[in-house]
């Protein structure tokens, strides 16, 4: 028989939390089991629909008494294989070393457990993750803006910033903004962008060619570290060759002076 749900004095359906609450003769509240059960069922269904019940974290390991398997494949503290052992025996062995029994491969059959210092293990894993985040490079797109009639000093400053972004591994969007009658001479903007490419040198590689969009002209550059390294090597070799030629020239002049 379906449960009949009445309305309150306002004519509205009562909230499930107060459905089973009634007032007695003395004015105190009395709760019925039926209303509590109904509220519990509805609250549980709502929580399941909204995925409120959190799943266990994947980076957590089961240790010691939290291990649910009956038997495990055991690895000793020195990494030696100890075979398949019942969990109570594995726990006794871990406690004899004053260490923890840690489930390192829960999906294996049977699960693989290792005897270790779990606190030390967690600390080392945290340090590795921190070092990995420190070494990882977050590549983003930086933007440097120019004007068609930009001065030489401002141009050199912006180019230095652009080169710095490229050396850090970032992409750079070079934007040239037009104002008023400058729109009638887009060739001036193209000339400035060509000068930017020439100043950036081999470190800059064009990803998107310059194009005019509304009142701005833009292009996207990305770092070409291989070309930059090759250019540096070639420049160093050229400098070494010049130094060698100068040394030979000085050596020849010294020999002529000695002959005289």
Protein backbone atom coordinates (compact mmCIF):
# COMPACT_ATOMS: atom_id res chain seq x y z
CA UNK A 1 0.00 0.00 0.00
CA UNK A 2 1.59 3.35 -1.02
CA UNK A 3 2.37 5.82 1.73
CA UNK A 4 -0.01 8.79 1.80
CA UNK A 5 1.84 12.08 2.10
CA UNK A 6 -0.30 14.88 3.50
CA UNK A 7 0.26 18.60 3.18
CA UNK A 8 0.83 21.13 5.93
CA UNK A 9 -1.38 24.11 6.79
CA UNK A 10 0.02 26.14 3.89
CA UNK A 11 -1.07 23.45 1.44
CA UNK A 12 2.52 22.57 0.48
CA UNK A 13 4.12 19.15 0.64
CA UNK A 14 6.30 18.85 3.78
CA UNK A 15 10.06 18.44 3.52
CA UNK A 16 11.28 14.81 3.85
CA UNK A 17 13.30 15.83 6.91
CA UNK A 18 10.16 16.85 8.77
CA UNK A 19 7.77 14.33 7.25
CA UNK A 20 7.85 12.03 10.27
CA UNK A 21 7.78 14.78 12.88
CA UNK A 22 4.53 15.30 14.77
CA UNK A 23 3.61 17.37 17.82
CA UNK A 24 2.32 15.56 20.89
CA UNK A 25 -0.23 16.77 23.41
CA UNK A 26 2.47 18.42 25.51
CA UNK A 27 3.74 20.42 22.54
CA UNK A 28 6.96 18.41 22.17
CA UNK A 29 7.99 16.85 18.89
CA UNK A 30 7.59 13.16 18.29
CA UNK A 31 9.28 11.42 15.36
CA UNK A 32 7.91 8.37 13.64
CA UNK A 33 10.15 5.63 12.31
CA UNK A 34 8.29 5.64 9.00
CA UNK A 35 9.15 9.26 8.25
CA UNK A 36 12.79 8.78 9.26
CA UNK A 37 13.21 5.75 6.99
CA UNK A 38 11.61 7.59 4.09
CA UNK A 39 13.88 10.60 4.60
CA UNK A 40 16.97 8.36 4.82
CA UNK A 41 16.10 6.59 1.57
CA UNK A 42 15.50 9.83 -0.31
CA UNK A 43 18.70 11.41 1.03
CA UNK A 44 20.76 8.35 0.06
CA UNK A 45 19.27 8.31 -3.45
CA UNK A 46 19.98 12.04 -3.85
CA UNK A 47 23.58 11.59 -2.71
CA UNK A 48 24.11 8.75 -5.18
CA UNK A 49 22.64 10.83 -8.02
CA UNK A 50 24.96 13.74 -7.26
CA UNK A 51 27.99 11.48 -6.68
CA UNK A 52 28.44 12.99 -3.24
CA UNK A 53 29.95 9.79 -1.87
CA UNK A 54 33.64 10.20 -2.64
CA UNK A 55 35.65 7.31 -4.02
CA UNK A 56 38.89 6.35 -2.30
CA UNK A 57 41.92 8.22 -3.58
CA UNK A 58 44.00 6.32 -6.11
CA UNK A 59 47.30 7.51 -4.61
CA UNK A 60 46.55 5.96 -1.23
CA UNK A 61 48.04 2.57 -0.36
CA UNK A 62 46.48 0.01 1.93
CA UNK A 63 48.82 -0.76 4.78
CA UNK A 64 48.95 -3.24 7.64
CA UNK A 65 45.46 -4.10 8.97
CA UNK A 66 43.73 -2.26 6.09
CA UNK A 67 44.81 -4.92 3.57
CA UNK A 68 41.70 -6.92 2.61
CA UNK A 69 43.23 -9.87 0.74
CA UNK A 70 43.64 -13.23 2.47
CA UNK A 71 47.09 -13.87 1.02
CA UNK A 72 49.65 -11.71 -0.75
CA UNK A 73 52.85 -12.02 -2.74
CA UNK A 74 55.42 -10.70 -0.31
CA UNK A 75 58.56 -8.65 -1.04
CA UNK A 76 61.07 -8.25 1.79
CA UNK A 77 62.64 -4.99 2.96
CA UNK A 78 65.71 -5.61 0.77
CA UNK A 79 63.62 -6.37 -2.33
CA UNK A 80 63.89 -10.16 -2.03
CA UNK A 81 60.95 -12.32 -3.11
CA UNK A 82 59.45 -14.19 -0.15
CA UNK A 83 56.64 -15.92 -2.05
CA UNK A 84 52.93 -16.07 -1.33
CA UNK A 85 52.09 -15.61 2.35
CA UNK A 86 48.87 -15.28 4.38
CA UNK A 87 48.30 -11.70 5.49
CA UNK A 88 48.67 -12.45 9.23
CA UNK A 89 52.06 -14.07 8.64
CA UNK A 90 53.15 -11.17 6.42
CA UNK A 91 52.09 -8.71 9.13
CA UNK A 92 54.07 -10.58 11.77
CA UNK A 93 57.14 -10.49 9.53
CA UNK A 94 56.77 -6.73 8.91
CA UNK A 95 56.38 -6.03 12.63
CA UNK A 96 59.45 -8.11 13.41
CA UNK A 97 61.44 -5.61 11.31
CA UNK A 98 59.54 -2.71 12.93
CA UNK A 99 58.27 -1.77 9.46
CA UNK A 100 54.93 -1.58 7.61
CA UNK A 101 53.25 -3.98 5.22
CA UNK A 102 52.27 -1.91 2.17
CA UNK A 103 50.07 -3.09 -0.72
CA UNK A 104 51.96 -1.83 -3.79
CA UNK A 105 50.06 -3.72 -6.54
CA UNK A 106 46.41 -4.22 -5.45
CA UNK A 107 45.22 -5.36 -8.91
CA UNK A 108 47.65 -8.28 -9.13
CA UNK A 109 46.53 -11.81 -8.32
CA UNK A 110 47.37 -12.20 -5.52
CA UNK A 111 48.09 -8.57 -4.53
CA UNK A 112 51.74 -7.66 -4.10
CA UNK A 113 52.84 -6.28 -0.72
CA UNK A 114 56.20 -4.98 0.37
CA UNK A 115 57.78 -4.59 3.79
CA UNK A 116 58.95 -0.97 4.10
CA UNK A 117 58.92 2.20 6.16
CA UNK A 118 55.70 3.73 4.86
CA UNK A 119 56.36 7.19 6.29
CA UNK A 120 59.75 7.35 4.58
CA UNK A 121 58.20 6.02 1.35
CA UNK A 122 55.52 8.75 1.32
CA UNK A 123 58.14 11.44 1.99
CA UNK A 124 60.34 10.26 -0.89
CA UNK A 125 57.35 10.11 -3.25
CA UNK A 126 56.36 13.66 -2.29
CA UNK A 127 59.90 14.90 -2.90
CA UNK A 128 59.99 13.22 -6.32
CA UNK A 129 56.67 14.79 -7.29
CA UNK A 130 57.86 18.21 -6.11
CA UNK A 131 61.10 17.91 -8.11
CA UNK A 132 59.15 16.80 -11.19
CA UNK A 133 56.84 19.82 -10.93
CA UNK A 134 59.84 22.12 -10.49
CA UNK A 135 61.58 20.79 -13.60
CA UNK A 136 58.46 20.79 -15.77
CA UNK A 137 58.14 23.85 -18.01
CA UNK A 138 54.70 25.42 -18.26
CA UNK A 139 54.56 26.55 -21.88
CA UNK A 140 52.25 29.51 -22.45
CA UNK A 141 51.68 32.13 -25.14
CA UNK A 142 53.11 35.54 -24.28
CA UNK A 143 52.19 38.70 -26.17
CA UNK A 144 54.41 41.62 -27.14
CA UNK A 145 52.79 44.67 -28.74
CA UNK A 146 54.40 47.08 -31.21
CA UNK A 147 53.32 50.23 -33.04
CA UNK A 148 54.07 51.18 -36.66
CA UNK A 149 55.90 54.35 -35.52
CA UNK A 150 57.66 52.81 -32.51
CA UNK A 151 60.90 54.43 -31.37
CA UNK A 152 64.25 52.65 -31.53
CA UNK A 153 64.62 52.42 -27.75
CA UNK A 154 61.14 50.97 -27.21
CA UNK A 155 61.69 48.58 -30.10
CA UNK A 156 64.93 47.21 -28.61
CA UNK A 157 63.32 46.84 -25.17
CA UNK A 158 60.37 44.88 -26.52
CA UNK A 159 62.66 42.68 -28.61
CA UNK A 160 64.70 41.84 -25.50
CA UNK A 161 61.51 40.79 -23.73
CA UNK A 162 60.49 38.72 -26.75
CA UNK A 163 63.85 36.95 -26.90
CA UNK A 164 63.66 36.28 -23.16
CA UNK A 165 60.26 34.64 -23.55
CA UNK A 166 61.56 32.46 -26.39
CA UNK A 167 64.63 31.44 -24.39
CA UNK A 168 62.31 30.36 -21.53
CA UNK A 169 60.47 28.07 -23.96
CA UNK A 170 57.30 30.15 -24.40
CA UNK A 171 55.52 30.99 -27.61
CA UNK A 172 55.15 34.68 -28.39
CA UNK A 173 52.33 36.46 -30.18
CA UNK A 174 53.68 39.59 -31.83
CA UNK A 175 50.89 42.14 -32.26
CA UNK A 176 51.16 45.39 -34.17
CA UNK A 177 48.36 47.89 -33.46
CA UNK A 178 47.21 50.55 -35.92
CA UNK A 179 45.52 53.82 -34.99
CA UNK A 180 43.57 56.25 -37.17
CA UNK A 181 45.17 56.88 -40.53
CA UNK A 182 47.86 54.27 -39.89
CA UNK A 183 45.41 51.72 -41.30
CA UNK A 184 46.07 53.19 -44.75
CA UNK A 185 49.69 51.99 -44.61
CA UNK A 186 49.76 48.30 -43.57
CA UNK A 187 53.15 47.98 -45.25
CA UNK A 188 54.65 49.92 -42.33
CA UNK A 189 53.39 47.26 -39.95
CA UNK A 190 54.78 44.47 -42.11
CA UNK A 191 58.15 46.26 -42.10
CA UNK A 192 58.17 46.40 -38.29
CA UNK A 193 57.36 42.68 -38.06
CA UNK A 194 60.20 41.90 -40.47
CA UNK A 195 62.56 43.90 -38.26
CA UNK A 196 61.34 41.93 -35.21
CA UNK A 197 62.11 38.63 -36.96
CA UNK A 198 65.54 39.87 -37.98
CA UNK A 199 66.30 41.06 -34.43
CA UNK A 200 65.12 37.77 -32.87
CA UNK A 201 67.52 35.86 -35.09
CA UNK A 202 67.54 32.07 -35.48
CA UNK A 203 65.89 31.53 -32.08
CA UNK A 204 62.47 32.49 -33.50
CA UNK A 205 60.47 30.21 -35.78
CA UNK A 206 57.27 31.52 -37.38
CA UNK A 207 54.26 29.37 -36.53
CA UNK A 208 51.57 31.65 -37.96
CA UNK A 209 52.41 34.13 -40.67
CA UNK A 210 51.49 37.78 -40.17
CA UNK A 211 47.88 38.62 -41.01
CA UNK A 212 45.73 41.70 -40.66
CA UNK A 213 42.69 41.40 -38.40
CA UNK A 214 40.72 44.59 -37.89
CA UNK A 215 43.10 47.24 -36.57
CA UNK A 216 45.90 44.86 -35.67
CA UNK A 217 48.43 42.68 -37.45
CA UNK A 218 49.83 39.67 -35.61
CA UNK A 219 52.03 36.62 -35.98
CA UNK A 220 52.99 33.80 -33.62
CA UNK A 221 56.61 32.80 -32.95
CA UNK A 222 57.90 29.68 -31.22
CA UNK A 223 61.43 28.92 -29.98
CA UNK A 224 63.73 27.02 -32.34
CA UNK A 225 66.45 25.97 -29.90
CA UNK A 226 68.24 23.66 -32.34
CA UNK A 227 68.71 26.44 -34.87
CA UNK A 228 69.82 28.81 -32.11
CA UNK A 229 72.40 26.30 -30.82
CA UNK A 230 73.69 25.72 -34.36
CA UNK A 231 74.03 29.48 -34.89
CA UNK A 232 75.91 29.84 -31.59
CA UNK A 233 78.31 27.04 -32.55
CA UNK A 234 78.91 28.61 -35.96
CA UNK A 235 79.52 32.01 -34.34
CA UNK A 236 81.94 30.48 -31.83
CA UNK A 237 83.81 28.68 -34.62
CA UNK A 238 84.03 31.93 -36.59
CA UNK A 239 85.34 33.80 -33.55
CA UNK A 240 87.95 31.07 -32.94
CA UNK A 241 89.05 31.28 -36.58
CA UNK A 242 89.40 35.06 -36.36
CA UNK A 243 91.46 34.72 -33.19
CA UNK A 244 93.69 32.15 -34.85
CA UNK A 245 94.24 34.43 -37.86
CA UNK A 246 95.09 37.32 -35.56
CA UNK A 247 97.59 35.15 -33.68
CA UNK A 248 99.23 34.07 -36.93
CA UNK A 249 99.43 37.68 -38.07
CA UNK A 250 101.01 38.76 -34.79
CA UNK A 251 103.42 35.82 -34.95
CA UNK A 252 104.52 36.84 -38.46
CA UNK A 253 105.10 40.44 -37.38
CA UNK A 254 107.21 39.26 -34.41
CA UNK A 255 109.34 37.11 -36.71
CA UNK A 256 109.96 40.03 -39.08
CA UNK A 257 110.97 42.23 -36.16
CA UNK A 258 113.47 39.60 -34.96
CA UNK A 259 115.00 39.32 -38.45
CA UNK A 260 115.49 43.03 -38.59
